[in-house]
Amino acid sequence: MKKKIMVVDDEESIRFLYEEELKDEGYEVVSYPEAQTAIDDFDNQKPDLVVLDIAMPKMSGLDALRILKDKSPSIPIIMSTAYSHYKQDFSTWIADAYIVKSPDLTELKEKIKELLKLSD
C-alpha cells in the first residue's frame, strides 16, 4: 500500500513541485494551500507523513505543527521553509525534521524515506 504524504504550503509552485516529485517516488500525495484546511482534513486523510511550510498566511506552520502533534504525536512532520533562521526557534524542535526549501529535492526525499522507515 502506498504511503500518503500531506503537503501544506501556500506557494502553488512548491505544492506542484512536491506533488509531482513525490508521486514519481511512488507516494500518494494530498496538498493544501493553508494550514487550517489541512488540519480539518487530517483525520479523513490519515497521512503517513506531513511536509509543513512555516511561513503561511492565516495560521503559521508552527501553530499547525503543535495542533497536528496533539492530534497524532507519532506522525512524522518535516518543517519546510525558505528561511534557515527558523531552525533556531524552539517551536520547530517538536518536528521530526527541518529542511530549507530548494529546487533540488534530494534532501527532502531522503528525509521522507528515513522517517517513513522509522514509523513502520
C-alpha atoms as a PDB file:
ATOM      1  CA  MET A   1       0.000   0.000   0.000  1.00  0.00           C
ATOM      2  CA  LYS A   2       1.274   3.455  -0.927  1.00  0.00           C
ATOM      3  CA  LYS A   3       2.378   5.774   1.838  1.00  0.00           C
ATOM      4  CA  LYS A   4       0.398   9.016   1.925  1.00  0.00           C
ATOM      5  CA  ILE A   5       2.145  12.368   2.292  1.00  0.00           C
ATOM      6  CA  MET A   6       0.315  15.559   3.204  1.00  0.00           C
ATOM      7  CA  VAL A   7       1.949  18.712   1.804  1.00  0.00           C
ATOM      8  CA  VAL A   8       0.921  22.051   3.323  1.00  0.00           C
ATOM      9  CA  ASP A   9       2.364  25.128   1.595  1.00  0.00           C
ATOM     10  CA  ASP A  10       0.830  28.419   0.499  1.00  0.00           C
ATOM     11  CA  GLU A  11       3.006  28.575  -2.641  1.00  0.00           C
ATOM     12  CA  GLU A  12       1.291  26.803  -5.519  1.00  0.00           C
ATOM     13  CA  SER A  13       4.561  26.185  -7.372  1.00  0.00           C
ATOM     14  CA  ILE A  14       6.071  24.448  -4.334  1.00  0.00           C
ATOM     15  CA  ARG A  15       2.969  22.271  -3.859  1.00  0.00           C
ATOM     16  CA  PHE A  16       3.059  21.321  -7.548  1.00  0.00           C
ATOM     17  CA  LEU A  17       6.802  20.512  -7.452  1.00  0.00           C
ATOM     18  CA  TYR A  18       6.478  18.410  -4.285  1.00  0.00           C
ATOM     19  CA  GLU A  19       3.381  16.620  -5.609  1.00  0.00           C
ATOM     20  CA  GLU A  20       4.999  15.679  -8.915  1.00  0.00           C
ATOM     21  CA  GLU A  21       8.333  14.623  -7.440  1.00  0.00           C
ATOM     22  CA  LEU A  22       6.799  12.635  -4.591  1.00  0.00           C
ATOM     23  CA  LYS A  23       4.269  10.914  -6.860  1.00  0.00           C
ATOM     24  CA  ASP A  24       7.205   9.904  -9.075  1.00  0.00           C
ATOM     25  CA  GLU A  25       8.751   8.338  -5.950  1.00  0.00           C
ATOM     26  CA  GLY A  26       5.611   6.219  -5.515  1.00  0.00           C
ATOM     27  CA  TYR A  27       3.809   8.154  -2.789  1.00  0.00           C
ATOM     28  CA  GLU A  28       0.189   9.225  -2.686  1.00  0.00           C
ATOM     29  CA  VAL A  29       0.153  12.998  -2.162  1.00  0.00           C
ATOM     30  CA  VAL A  30      -2.547  15.323  -0.861  1.00  0.00           C
ATOM     31  CA  SER A  31      -1.784  19.033  -0.718  1.00  0.00           C
ATOM     32  CA  TYR A  32      -3.268  22.101   0.905  1.00  0.00           C
ATOM     33  CA  PRO A  33      -2.660  25.848   0.443  1.00  0.00           C
ATOM     34  CA  GLU A  34      -3.279  26.654   4.106  1.00  0.00           C
ATOM     35  CA  ALA A  35      -2.821  25.025   7.481  1.00  0.00           C
ATOM     36  CA  GLN A  36      -6.403  25.141   8.765  1.00  0.00           C
ATOM     37  CA  THR A  37      -7.772  23.220   5.769  1.00  0.00           C
ATOM     38  CA  ALA A  38      -5.096  20.557   6.223  1.00  0.00           C
ATOM     39  CA  ILE A  39      -5.862  20.280   9.946  1.00  0.00           C
ATOM     40  CA  ASP A  40      -9.596  19.988   9.228  1.00  0.00           C
ATOM     41  CA  ASP A  41      -8.957  17.171   6.725  1.00  0.00           C
ATOM     42  CA  PHE A  42      -6.177  15.440   8.682  1.00  0.00           C
ATOM     43  CA  ASP A  43      -8.352  12.768  10.306  1.00  0.00           C
ATOM     44  CA  ASN A  44     -10.047  11.965   6.976  1.00  0.00           C
ATOM     45  CA  GLN A  45      -6.775  11.687   5.069  1.00  0.00           C
ATOM     46  CA  LYS A  46      -4.750   9.792   7.696  1.00  0.00           C
ATOM     47  CA  PRO A  47      -1.380  10.710   6.155  1.00  0.00           C
ATOM     48  CA  ASP A  48       1.768   8.743   6.974  1.00  0.00           C
ATOM     49  CA  LEU A  49       3.875  11.930   6.979  1.00  0.00           C
ATOM     50  CA  VAL A  50       3.359  15.707   6.738  1.00  0.00           C
ATOM     51  CA  VAL A  51       5.555  18.259   4.959  1.00  0.00           C
ATOM     52  CA  LEU A  52       4.668  21.602   6.501  1.00  0.00           C
ATOM     53  CA  ASP A  53       5.692  25.110   5.434  1.00  0.00           C
ATOM     54  CA  ILE A  54       6.397  27.526   8.289  1.00  0.00           C
ATOM     55  CA  ALA A  55       5.597  30.972   6.907  1.00  0.00           C
ATOM     56  CA  MET A  56       1.978  30.931   5.735  1.00  0.00           C
ATOM     57  CA  PRO A  57      -0.856  33.473   5.973  1.00  0.00           C
ATOM     58  CA  LYS A  58      -3.697  32.999   8.469  1.00  0.00           C
ATOM     59  CA  MET A  59      -2.061  30.198  10.505  1.00  0.00           C
ATOM     60  CA  SER A  60       1.678  29.580  10.638  1.00  0.00           C
ATOM     61  CA  GLY A  61       3.180  26.170  10.204  1.00  0.00           C
ATOM     62  CA  LEU A  62       4.459  26.389  13.785  1.00  0.00           C
ATOM     63  CA  ASP A  63       0.896  26.661  15.095  1.00  0.00           C
ATOM     64  CA  ALA A  64      -0.207  23.839  12.791  1.00  0.00           C
ATOM     65  CA  LEU A  65       2.720  21.702  13.960  1.00  0.00           C
ATOM     66  CA  ARG A  66       1.530  21.870  17.577  1.00  0.00           C
ATOM     67  CA  ILE A  67      -2.059  21.044  16.604  1.00  0.00           C
ATOM     68  CA  LEU A  68      -1.064  18.101  14.383  1.00  0.00           C
ATOM     69  CA  LYS A  69       1.286  16.679  17.034  1.00  0.00           C
ATOM     70  CA  ASP A  70      -1.548  16.941  19.583  1.00  0.00           C
ATOM     71  CA  LYS A  71      -3.825  15.022  17.203  1.00  0.00           C
ATOM     72  CA  SER A  72      -1.230  12.389  16.335  1.00  0.00           C
ATOM     73  CA  PRO A  73       2.032  12.516  18.332  1.00  0.00           C
ATOM     74  CA  SER A  74       3.658   9.724  16.341  1.00  0.00           C
ATOM     75  CA  ILE A  75       3.159  11.214  12.857  1.00  0.00           C
ATOM     76  CA  PRO A  76       6.444  12.333  11.298  1.00  0.00           C
ATOM     77  CA  ILE A  77       6.387  16.030  10.385  1.00  0.00           C
ATOM     78  CA  ILE A  78       9.010  17.748   8.262  1.00  0.00           C
ATOM     79  CA  MET A  79       9.161  21.518   8.558  1.00  0.00           C
ATOM     80  CA  SER A  80       9.948  23.061   5.189  1.00  0.00           C
ATOM     81  CA  THR A  81      10.902  26.706   4.865  1.00  0.00           C
ATOM     82  CA  ALA A  82      12.821  29.139   2.727  1.00  0.00           C
ATOM     83  CA  TYR A  83      14.378  30.662   5.859  1.00  0.00           C
ATOM     84  CA  SER A  84      17.108  28.822   7.735  1.00  0.00           C
ATOM     85  CA  HIS A  85      16.809  31.033  10.849  1.00  0.00           C
ATOM     86  CA  TYR A  86      13.651  29.191  11.923  1.00  0.00           C
ATOM     87  CA  LYS A  87      15.821  26.204  12.841  1.00  0.00           C
ATOM     88  CA  GLN A  88      16.864  28.105  15.972  1.00  0.00           C
ATOM     89  CA  ASP A  89      13.218  28.573  17.016  1.00  0.00           C
ATOM     90  CA  PHE A  90      12.345  26.192  19.857  1.00  0.00           C
ATOM     91  CA  SER A  91       8.873  25.758  18.332  1.00  0.00           C
ATOM     92  CA  THR A  92      10.364  23.774  15.432  1.00  0.00           C
ATOM     93  CA  TRP A  93      12.069  21.283  17.731  1.00  0.00           C
ATOM     94  CA  ILE A  94       8.986  19.096  18.080  1.00  0.00           C
ATOM     95  CA  ALA A  95       9.126  18.467  14.336  1.00  0.00           C
ATOM     96  CA  ASP A  96      10.878  15.295  13.213  1.00  0.00           C
ATOM     97  CA  ALA A  97      12.978  17.107  10.624  1.00  0.00           C
ATOM     98  CA  TYR A  98      13.696  20.559   9.250  1.00  0.00           C
ATOM     99  CA  ILE A  99      14.711  21.338   5.688  1.00  0.00           C
ATOM    100  CA  VAL A 100      15.373  24.550   3.805  1.00  0.00           C
ATOM    101  CA  LYS A 101      13.438  24.650   0.518  1.00  0.00           C
ATOM    102  CA  SER A 102      15.463  24.003  -2.596  1.00  0.00           C
ATOM    103  CA  PRO A 103      14.683  23.128  -6.221  1.00  0.00           C
ATOM    104  CA  ASP A 104      16.788  20.007  -5.574  1.00  0.00           C
ATOM    105  CA  LEU A 105      14.504  17.736  -3.559  1.00  0.00           C
ATOM    106  CA  THR A 106      17.171  15.144  -2.743  1.00  0.00           C
ATOM    107  CA  GLU A 107      17.346  16.127   0.940  1.00  0.00           C
ATOM    108  CA  LEU A 108      13.551  16.128   1.281  1.00  0.00           C
ATOM    109  CA  LYS A 109      13.178  12.727  -0.419  1.00  0.00           C
ATOM    110  CA  GLU A 110      15.916  11.165   1.717  1.00  0.00           C
ATOM    111  CA  LYS A 111      14.398  12.553   4.919  1.00  0.00           C
ATOM    112  CA  ILE A 112      10.947  11.220   3.929  1.00  0.00           C
ATOM    113  CA  LYS A 113      12.346   7.728   3.276  1.00  0.00           C
ATOM    114  CA  GLU A 114      14.207   7.782   6.587  1.00  0.00           C
ATOM    115  CA  LEU A 115      11.195   8.928   8.609  1.00  0.00           C
ATOM    116  CA  LEU A 116       8.754   6.531   6.969  1.00  0.00           C
ATOM    117  CA  LYS A 117      11.077   3.581   7.719  1.00  0.00           C
ATOM    118  CA  LEU A 118      11.258   4.694  11.346  1.00  0.00           C
ATOM    119  CA  SER A 119       7.475   4.936  11.623  1.00  0.00           C
ATOM    120  CA  ASP A 120       6.811   1.434  10.214  1.00  0.00           C
END
